[in-house]
Amino acid sequence: LQENAFALVNRENIYVIGFETIREKHEWVEAITSYIYSMFKTNKLFRCTLDDITKSECIIDGLPSVVVKSVEFMRISGATLNNFLRLSLSSGTKITEVKEKLESDPTFDYKRAGFTVQDAATLLIIFLKELTEPILPKSIVEHFTLTKKKNKHLLFARKALMSIPVINRLLLYYITKFLSDVCMSSLNTNLHPTGFNTMKRNSNNSRHQALSLIHI
């Protein structure tokens, strides 16, 4: 093989993959390794359905562990609205490795891994993007874009939330509650120097409030 190519060999075929840079080579290796790993593991968090996750050990208080760990880390780290408005997603080997650790080690800790708010936000976004079935079905989203009357939006929203699975409802509430807290905290901080304490006080109650949605 040439220096800018490598081979994948199985019982039937040999596949030769070329690359132009060392970075591109590493990206190929990471992608292939991640795919092979996903074929054998039982605790899946990424590139699967929420229903698959509920059947694994990657659950905290009824929610995907990556969501809880990311949100709580951002709360403790003092995430602000500016963090999200100016967010530049993390990339590279670090995020790939953390994805695998989250699936293999339920006790994995962001703080010990040297995480930043940017890293936690990146993982949360990747998790949501890689769900094979969206939290809100496409039919529901399309209905909102076609309905122009506000009162019909509200009626449909309640009906839609009642129709989606409990895990979807919990996840939707939990994330929107966090983002709401971030916005309110940023507003309060601009008005009062101790305003951020509001979000910290709310952090212990969010998951328990989310669980109340089961009874809606």
C-alpha atoms as a PDB file:
ATOM      1  CA  LEU A   1       0.000   0.000   0.000  1.00  0.00           C
ATOM      2  CA  GLN A   2       1.033   3.598  -0.533  1.00  0.00           C
ATOM      3  CA  GLU A   3       1.734   5.836   2.444  1.00  0.00           C
ATOM      4  CA  ASN A   4      -1.543   7.697   1.930  1.00  0.00           C
ATOM      5  CA  ALA A   5      -3.805   4.638   2.075  1.00  0.00           C
ATOM      6  CA  PHE A   6      -4.693   1.717   4.334  1.00  0.00           C
ATOM      7  CA  ALA A   7      -6.696  -1.483   3.926  1.00  0.00           C
ATOM      8  CA  LEU A   8      -9.679  -3.052   5.673  1.00  0.00           C
ATOM      9  CA  VAL A   9      -9.758  -6.824   5.327  1.00  0.00           C
ATOM     10  CA  ASN A  10     -12.608  -9.241   6.029  1.00  0.00           C
ATOM     11  CA  ARG A  11     -13.245 -12.831   4.982  1.00  0.00           C
ATOM     12  CA  GLU A  12     -14.574 -11.860   1.565  1.00  0.00           C
ATOM     13  CA  ASN A  13     -13.094  -8.535   0.508  1.00  0.00           C
ATOM     14  CA  ILE A  14     -10.223  -6.088   0.876  1.00  0.00           C
ATOM     15  CA  TYR A  15     -11.170  -2.412   0.965  1.00  0.00           C
ATOM     16  CA  VAL A  16      -8.498   0.226   0.300  1.00  0.00           C
ATOM     17  CA  ILE A  17      -9.159   3.667   1.773  1.00  0.00           C
ATOM     18  CA  GLY A  18      -7.133   6.654   0.643  1.00  0.00           C
ATOM     19  CA  PHE A  19      -6.534   9.943   2.432  1.00  0.00           C
ATOM     20  CA  GLU A  20      -4.766  13.202   1.650  1.00  0.00           C
ATOM     21  CA  THR A  21      -3.770  14.337   5.150  1.00  0.00           C
ATOM     22  CA  ILE A  22      -2.917  12.748   8.500  1.00  0.00           C
ATOM     23  CA  ARG A  23      -6.006  14.406   9.970  1.00  0.00           C
ATOM     24  CA  GLU A  24      -8.205  12.754   7.348  1.00  0.00           C
ATOM     25  CA  LYS A  25      -6.581   9.400   8.148  1.00  0.00           C
ATOM     26  CA  HIS A  26      -7.354   9.817  11.859  1.00  0.00           C
ATOM     27  CA  GLU A  27     -10.959  10.762  11.057  1.00  0.00           C
ATOM     28  CA  TRP A  28     -11.354   7.568   9.023  1.00  0.00           C
ATOM     29  CA  VAL A  29      -9.888   5.462  11.833  1.00  0.00           C
ATOM     30  CA  GLU A  30     -12.149   7.125  14.436  1.00  0.00           C
ATOM     31  CA  ALA A  31     -15.261   6.618  12.304  1.00  0.00           C
ATOM     32  CA  ILE A  32     -14.480   2.954  11.591  1.00  0.00           C
ATOM     33  CA  THR A  33     -13.556   2.248  15.219  1.00  0.00           C
ATOM     34  CA  SER A  34     -16.729   3.936  16.462  1.00  0.00           C
ATOM     35  CA  TYR A  35     -18.878   1.886  14.055  1.00  0.00           C
ATOM     36  CA  ILE A  36     -17.270  -1.432  15.037  1.00  0.00           C
ATOM     37  CA  TYR A  37     -17.644  -0.546  18.721  1.00  0.00           C
ATOM     38  CA  SER A  38     -21.332   0.287  18.264  1.00  0.00           C
ATOM     39  CA  MET A  39     -22.000  -3.150  16.730  1.00  0.00           C
ATOM     40  CA  PHE A  40     -20.951  -4.990  19.889  1.00  0.00           C
ATOM     41  CA  LYS A  41     -21.959  -2.798  22.829  1.00  0.00           C
ATOM     42  CA  THR A  42     -25.296  -3.187  24.610  1.00  0.00           C
ATOM     43  CA  ASN A  43     -25.483   0.201  26.357  1.00  0.00           C
ATOM     44  CA  LYS A  44     -26.176   2.559  23.480  1.00  0.00           C
ATOM     45  CA  LEU A  45     -26.598   6.328  23.870  1.00  0.00           C
ATOM     46  CA  PHE A  46     -25.827   7.593  20.394  1.00  0.00           C
ATOM     47  CA  ARG A  47     -27.299   6.757  16.984  1.00  0.00           C
ATOM     48  CA  CYS A  48     -30.274   4.935  18.471  1.00  0.00           C
ATOM     49  CA  THR A  49     -33.846   5.564  19.650  1.00  0.00           C
ATOM     50  CA  LEU A  50     -34.938   6.828  23.056  1.00  0.00           C
ATOM     51  CA  ASP A  51     -36.691   3.493  23.530  1.00  0.00           C
ATOM     52  CA  ASP A  52     -33.354   1.688  23.056  1.00  0.00           C
ATOM     53  CA  ILE A  53     -31.782   3.898  25.720  1.00  0.00           C
ATOM     54  CA  THR A  54     -34.505   3.155  28.282  1.00  0.00           C
ATOM     55  CA  LYS A  55     -33.622  -0.547  27.971  1.00  0.00           C
ATOM     56  CA  SER A  56     -29.945   0.096  28.773  1.00  0.00           C
ATOM     57  CA  GLU A  57     -28.055   1.144  31.901  1.00  0.00           C
ATOM     58  CA  CYS A  58     -27.444   4.645  30.488  1.00  0.00           C
ATOM     59  CA  ILE A  59     -30.375   6.156  32.388  1.00  0.00           C
ATOM     60  CA  ILE A  60     -30.489   8.622  35.296  1.00  0.00           C
ATOM     61  CA  ASP A  61     -33.897   9.359  36.850  1.00  0.00           C
ATOM     62  CA  GLY A  62     -35.630   8.167  33.699  1.00  0.00           C
ATOM     63  CA  LEU A  63     -33.534  10.339  31.368  1.00  0.00           C
ATOM     64  CA  PRO A  64     -30.542   9.557  29.098  1.00  0.00           C
ATOM     65  CA  SER A  65     -27.388   9.900  31.208  1.00  0.00           C
ATOM     66  CA  VAL A  66     -25.621  12.082  28.618  1.00  0.00           C
ATOM     67  CA  VAL A  67     -28.415  14.655  28.884  1.00  0.00           C
ATOM     68  CA  VAL A  68     -28.409  14.720  32.692  1.00  0.00           C
ATOM     69  CA  LYS A  69     -24.602  14.804  32.957  1.00  0.00           C
ATOM     70  CA  SER A  70     -24.298  17.548  30.314  1.00  0.00           C
ATOM     71  CA  VAL A  71     -27.053  19.754  31.742  1.00  0.00           C
ATOM     72  CA  GLU A  72     -25.974  19.414  35.372  1.00  0.00           C
ATOM     73  CA  PHE A  73     -22.346  20.069  34.442  1.00  0.00           C
ATOM     74  CA  MET A  74     -23.361  23.245  32.602  1.00  0.00           C
ATOM     75  CA  ARG A  75     -25.429  24.357  35.590  1.00  0.00           C
ATOM     76  CA  ILE A  76     -22.556  23.829  38.029  1.00  0.00           C
ATOM     77  CA  SER A  77     -20.091  25.484  35.643  1.00  0.00           C
ATOM     78  CA  GLY A  78     -22.270  28.588  35.412  1.00  0.00           C
ATOM     79  CA  ALA A  79     -23.483  28.398  31.822  1.00  0.00           C
ATOM     80  CA  THR A  80     -24.863  31.725  30.572  1.00  0.00           C
ATOM     81  CA  LEU A  81     -26.884  32.813  27.573  1.00  0.00           C
ATOM     82  CA  ASN A  82     -23.699  34.192  25.992  1.00  0.00           C
ATOM     83  CA  ASN A  83     -22.168  30.700  26.158  1.00  0.00           C
ATOM     84  CA  PHE A  84     -24.890  29.476  23.805  1.00  0.00           C
ATOM     85  CA  LEU A  85     -25.101  32.536  21.568  1.00  0.00           C
ATOM     86  CA  ARG A  86     -21.344  32.330  20.946  1.00  0.00           C
ATOM     87  CA  LEU A  87     -21.090  28.555  21.061  1.00  0.00           C
ATOM     88  CA  SER A  88     -18.359  26.965  18.968  1.00  0.00           C
ATOM     89  CA  LEU A  89     -18.795  23.206  19.015  1.00  0.00           C
ATOM     90  CA  SER A  90     -15.920  21.023  20.190  1.00  0.00           C
ATOM     91  CA  SER A  91     -14.568  18.416  17.798  1.00  0.00           C
ATOM     92  CA  GLY A  92     -11.953  15.702  17.452  1.00  0.00           C
ATOM     93  CA  THR A  93     -10.795  12.684  19.374  1.00  0.00           C
ATOM     94  CA  LYS A  94     -11.839  14.008  22.800  1.00  0.00           C
ATOM     95  CA  ILE A  95     -15.565  13.997  22.013  1.00  0.00           C
ATOM     96  CA  THR A  96     -15.373  10.586  20.312  1.00  0.00           C
ATOM     97  CA  GLU A  97     -13.637   9.079  23.338  1.00  0.00           C
ATOM     98  CA  VAL A  98     -16.130  10.603  25.770  1.00  0.00           C
ATOM     99  CA  LYS A  99     -19.064   9.219  23.772  1.00  0.00           C
ATOM    100  CA  GLU A 100     -17.627   5.719  24.151  1.00  0.00           C
ATOM    101  CA  LYS A 101     -16.893   6.206  27.861  1.00  0.00           C
ATOM    102  CA  LEU A 102     -20.427   7.400  28.553  1.00  0.00           C
ATOM    103  CA  GLU A 103     -21.765   4.185  27.054  1.00  0.00           C
ATOM    104  CA  SER A 104     -19.307   1.888  28.798  1.00  0.00           C
ATOM    105  CA  ASP A 105     -18.906   3.560  32.206  1.00  0.00           C
ATOM    106  CA  PRO A 106     -22.047   4.877  33.997  1.00  0.00           C
ATOM    107  CA  THR A 107     -19.830   6.613  36.605  1.00  0.00           C
ATOM    108  CA  PHE A 108     -17.910   8.684  34.046  1.00  0.00           C
ATOM    109  CA  ASP A 109     -17.436  12.220  35.398  1.00  0.00           C
ATOM    110  CA  TYR A 110     -17.147  15.319  33.172  1.00  0.00           C
ATOM    111  CA  LYS A 111     -15.183  17.286  35.763  1.00  0.00           C
ATOM    112  CA  ARG A 112     -12.473  14.650  36.100  1.00  0.00           C
ATOM    113  CA  ALA A 113     -12.212  14.539  32.307  1.00  0.00           C
ATOM    114  CA  GLY A 114     -11.372  18.259  32.187  1.00  0.00           C
ATOM    115  CA  PHE A 115     -14.590  19.194  30.438  1.00  0.00           C
ATOM    116  CA  THR A 116     -15.732  22.731  29.578  1.00  0.00           C
ATOM    117  CA  VAL A 117     -19.237  24.143  29.055  1.00  0.00           C
ATOM    118  CA  GLN A 118     -18.467  24.012  25.332  1.00  0.00           C
ATOM    119  CA  ASP A 119     -17.689  20.266  25.521  1.00  0.00           C
ATOM    120  CA  ALA A 120     -20.877  19.510  27.463  1.00  0.00           C
ATOM    121  CA  ALA A 121     -23.011  21.535  25.053  1.00  0.00           C
ATOM    122  CA  THR A 122     -21.381  19.783  22.093  1.00  0.00           C
ATOM    123  CA  LEU A 123     -22.199  16.335  23.481  1.00  0.00           C
ATOM    124  CA  LEU A 124     -25.799  17.332  24.145  1.00  0.00           C
ATOM    125  CA  ILE A 125     -26.236  18.649  20.597  1.00  0.00           C
ATOM    126  CA  ILE A 126     -24.579  15.561  19.088  1.00  0.00           C
ATOM    127  CA  PHE A 127     -26.852  13.298  21.136  1.00  0.00           C
ATOM    128  CA  LEU A 128     -29.988  15.100  19.919  1.00  0.00           C
ATOM    129  CA  LYS A 129     -28.803  15.160  16.296  1.00  0.00           C
ATOM    130  CA  GLU A 130     -27.951  11.455  16.305  1.00  0.00           C
ATOM    131  CA  LEU A 131     -31.295  10.257  17.665  1.00  0.00           C
ATOM    132  CA  THR A 132     -32.674   7.994  14.952  1.00  0.00           C
ATOM    133  CA  GLU A 133     -36.178   9.170  15.868  1.00  0.00           C
ATOM    134  CA  PRO A 134     -36.653  12.866  16.805  1.00  0.00           C
ATOM    135  CA  ILE A 135     -38.148  13.911  20.145  1.00  0.00           C
ATOM    136  CA  LEU A 136     -41.041  15.530  18.282  1.00  0.00           C
ATOM    137  CA  PRO A 137     -42.256  13.560  15.235  1.00  0.00           C
ATOM    138  CA  LYS A 138     -42.029  15.296  11.880  1.00  0.00           C
ATOM    139  CA  SER A 139     -45.826  15.355  11.512  1.00  0.00           C
ATOM    140  CA  ILE A 140     -46.158  17.449  14.694  1.00  0.00           C
ATOM    141  CA  VAL A 141     -43.470  19.936  13.619  1.00  0.00           C
ATOM    142  CA  GLU A 142     -45.091  20.325  10.191  1.00  0.00           C
ATOM    143  CA  HIS A 143     -48.449  21.043  11.819  1.00  0.00           C
ATOM    144  CA  PHE A 144     -46.976  23.973  13.750  1.00  0.00           C
ATOM    145  CA  THR A 145     -45.469  25.462  10.592  1.00  0.00           C
ATOM    146  CA  LEU A 146     -48.820  25.263   8.793  1.00  0.00           C
ATOM    147  CA  THR A 147     -51.055  26.513  11.620  1.00  0.00           C
ATOM    148  CA  LYS A 148     -51.087  30.302  11.806  1.00  0.00           C
ATOM    149  CA  LYS A 149     -53.613  30.900  14.618  1.00  0.00           C
ATOM    150  CA  LYS A 150     -52.033  31.111  18.076  1.00  0.00           C
ATOM    151  CA  ASN A 151     -54.986  29.531  19.914  1.00  0.00           C
ATOM    152  CA  LYS A 152     -54.818  26.492  17.617  1.00  0.00           C
ATOM    153  CA  HIS A 153     -51.092  26.208  18.361  1.00  0.00           C
ATOM    154  CA  LEU A 154     -51.796  25.978  22.085  1.00  0.00           C
ATOM    155  CA  LEU A 155     -54.551  23.386  21.704  1.00  0.00           C
ATOM    156  CA  PHE A 156     -52.468  21.287  19.353  1.00  0.00           C
ATOM    157  CA  ALA A 157     -49.381  21.578  21.587  1.00  0.00           C
ATOM    158  CA  ARG A 158     -51.237  20.057  24.533  1.00  0.00           C
ATOM    159  CA  LYS A 159     -52.690  17.284  22.378  1.00  0.00           C
ATOM    160  CA  ALA A 160     -49.278  16.586  20.819  1.00  0.00           C
ATOM    161  CA  LEU A 161     -47.514  16.350  24.184  1.00  0.00           C
ATOM    162  CA  MET A 162     -50.142  13.912  25.380  1.00  0.00           C
ATOM    163  CA  SER A 163     -49.533  11.697  22.338  1.00  0.00           C
ATOM    164  CA  ILE A 164     -45.733  11.339  22.469  1.00  0.00           C
ATOM    165  CA  PRO A 165     -44.006   8.672  24.624  1.00  0.00           C
ATOM    166  CA  VAL A 166     -43.231   9.522  28.244  1.00  0.00           C
ATOM    167  CA  ILE A 167     -39.451   9.501  27.691  1.00  0.00           C
ATOM    168  CA  ASN A 168     -39.842  12.058  24.875  1.00  0.00           C
ATOM    169  CA  ARG A 169     -41.986  14.235  27.119  1.00  0.00           C
ATOM    170  CA  LEU A 170     -39.518  14.054  29.990  1.00  0.00           C
ATOM    171  CA  LEU A 171     -36.572  14.893  27.763  1.00  0.00           C
ATOM    172  CA  LEU A 172     -38.332  17.798  26.071  1.00  0.00           C
ATOM    173  CA  TYR A 173     -39.339  19.311  29.403  1.00  0.00           C
ATOM    174  CA  TYR A 174     -35.944  18.794  31.014  1.00  0.00           C
ATOM    175  CA  ILE A 175     -34.002  20.510  28.218  1.00  0.00           C
ATOM    176  CA  THR A 176     -36.430  23.407  27.754  1.00  0.00           C
ATOM    177  CA  LYS A 177     -36.513  23.951  31.543  1.00  0.00           C
ATOM    178  CA  PHE A 178     -32.717  24.189  31.596  1.00  0.00           C
ATOM    179  CA  LEU A 179     -32.623  26.654  28.694  1.00  0.00           C
ATOM    180  CA  SER A 180     -35.366  28.686  30.375  1.00  0.00           C
ATOM    181  CA  ASP A 181     -33.323  28.797  33.594  1.00  0.00           C
ATOM    182  CA  VAL A 182     -30.254  29.933  31.650  1.00  0.00           C
ATOM    183  CA  CYS A 183     -32.214  32.778  30.026  1.00  0.00           C
ATOM    184  CA  MET A 184     -33.812  33.873  33.305  1.00  0.00           C
ATOM    185  CA  SER A 185     -30.487  33.655  35.111  1.00  0.00           C
ATOM    186  CA  SER A 186     -28.776  35.786  32.463  1.00  0.00           C
ATOM    187  CA  LEU A 187     -31.562  38.367  32.729  1.00  0.00           C
ATOM    188  CA  ASN A 188     -31.413  38.425  36.535  1.00  0.00           C
ATOM    189  CA  THR A 189     -27.627  38.657  36.511  1.00  0.00           C
ATOM    190  CA  ASN A 190     -27.864  41.808  34.408  1.00  0.00           C
ATOM    191  CA  LEU A 191     -30.254  43.272  36.979  1.00  0.00           C
ATOM    192  CA  HIS A 192     -28.660  41.972  40.185  1.00  0.00           C
ATOM    193  CA  PRO A 193     -25.148  40.653  40.961  1.00  0.00           C
ATOM    194  CA  THR A 194     -26.486  37.534  42.730  1.00  0.00           C
ATOM    195  CA  GLY A 195     -29.012  36.622  40.061  1.00  0.00           C
ATOM    196  CA  PHE A 196     -27.186  33.432  39.053  1.00  0.00           C
ATOM    197  CA  ASN A 197     -28.102  31.857  42.381  1.00  0.00           C
ATOM    198  CA  THR A 198     -31.585  31.320  40.947  1.00  0.00           C
ATOM    199  CA  MET A 199     -30.386  28.719  38.445  1.00  0.00           C
ATOM    200  CA  LYS A 200     -28.245  26.954  41.046  1.00  0.00           C
ATOM    201  CA  ARG A 201     -31.226  26.626  43.390  1.00  0.00           C
ATOM    202  CA  ASN A 202     -33.297  25.168  40.553  1.00  0.00           C
ATOM    203  CA  SER A 203     -30.689  22.558  39.584  1.00  0.00           C
ATOM    204  CA  ASN A 204     -31.678  20.026  42.256  1.00  0.00           C
ATOM    205  CA  ASN A 205     -35.363  20.112  41.338  1.00  0.00           C
ATOM    206  CA  SER A 206     -35.344  19.922  37.523  1.00  0.00           C
ATOM    207  CA  ARG A 207     -35.324  16.135  37.140  1.00  0.00           C
ATOM    208  CA  HIS A 208     -37.976  15.695  39.820  1.00  0.00           C
ATOM    209  CA  GLN A 209     -40.157  18.324  38.126  1.00  0.00           C
ATOM    210  CA  ALA A 210     -39.680  16.526  34.823  1.00  0.00           C
ATOM    211  CA  LEU A 211     -40.928  13.276  36.362  1.00  0.00           C
ATOM    212  CA  SER A 212     -44.245  14.970  37.164  1.00  0.00           C
ATOM    213  CA  LEU A 213     -44.972  15.045  33.427  1.00  0.00           C
ATOM    214  CA  ILE A 214     -45.722  11.319  33.624  1.00  0.00           C
ATOM    215  CA  HIS A 215     -49.010  12.262  35.269  1.00  0.00           C
ATOM    216  CA  ILE A 216     -50.067  14.865  32.654  1.00  0.00           C
END
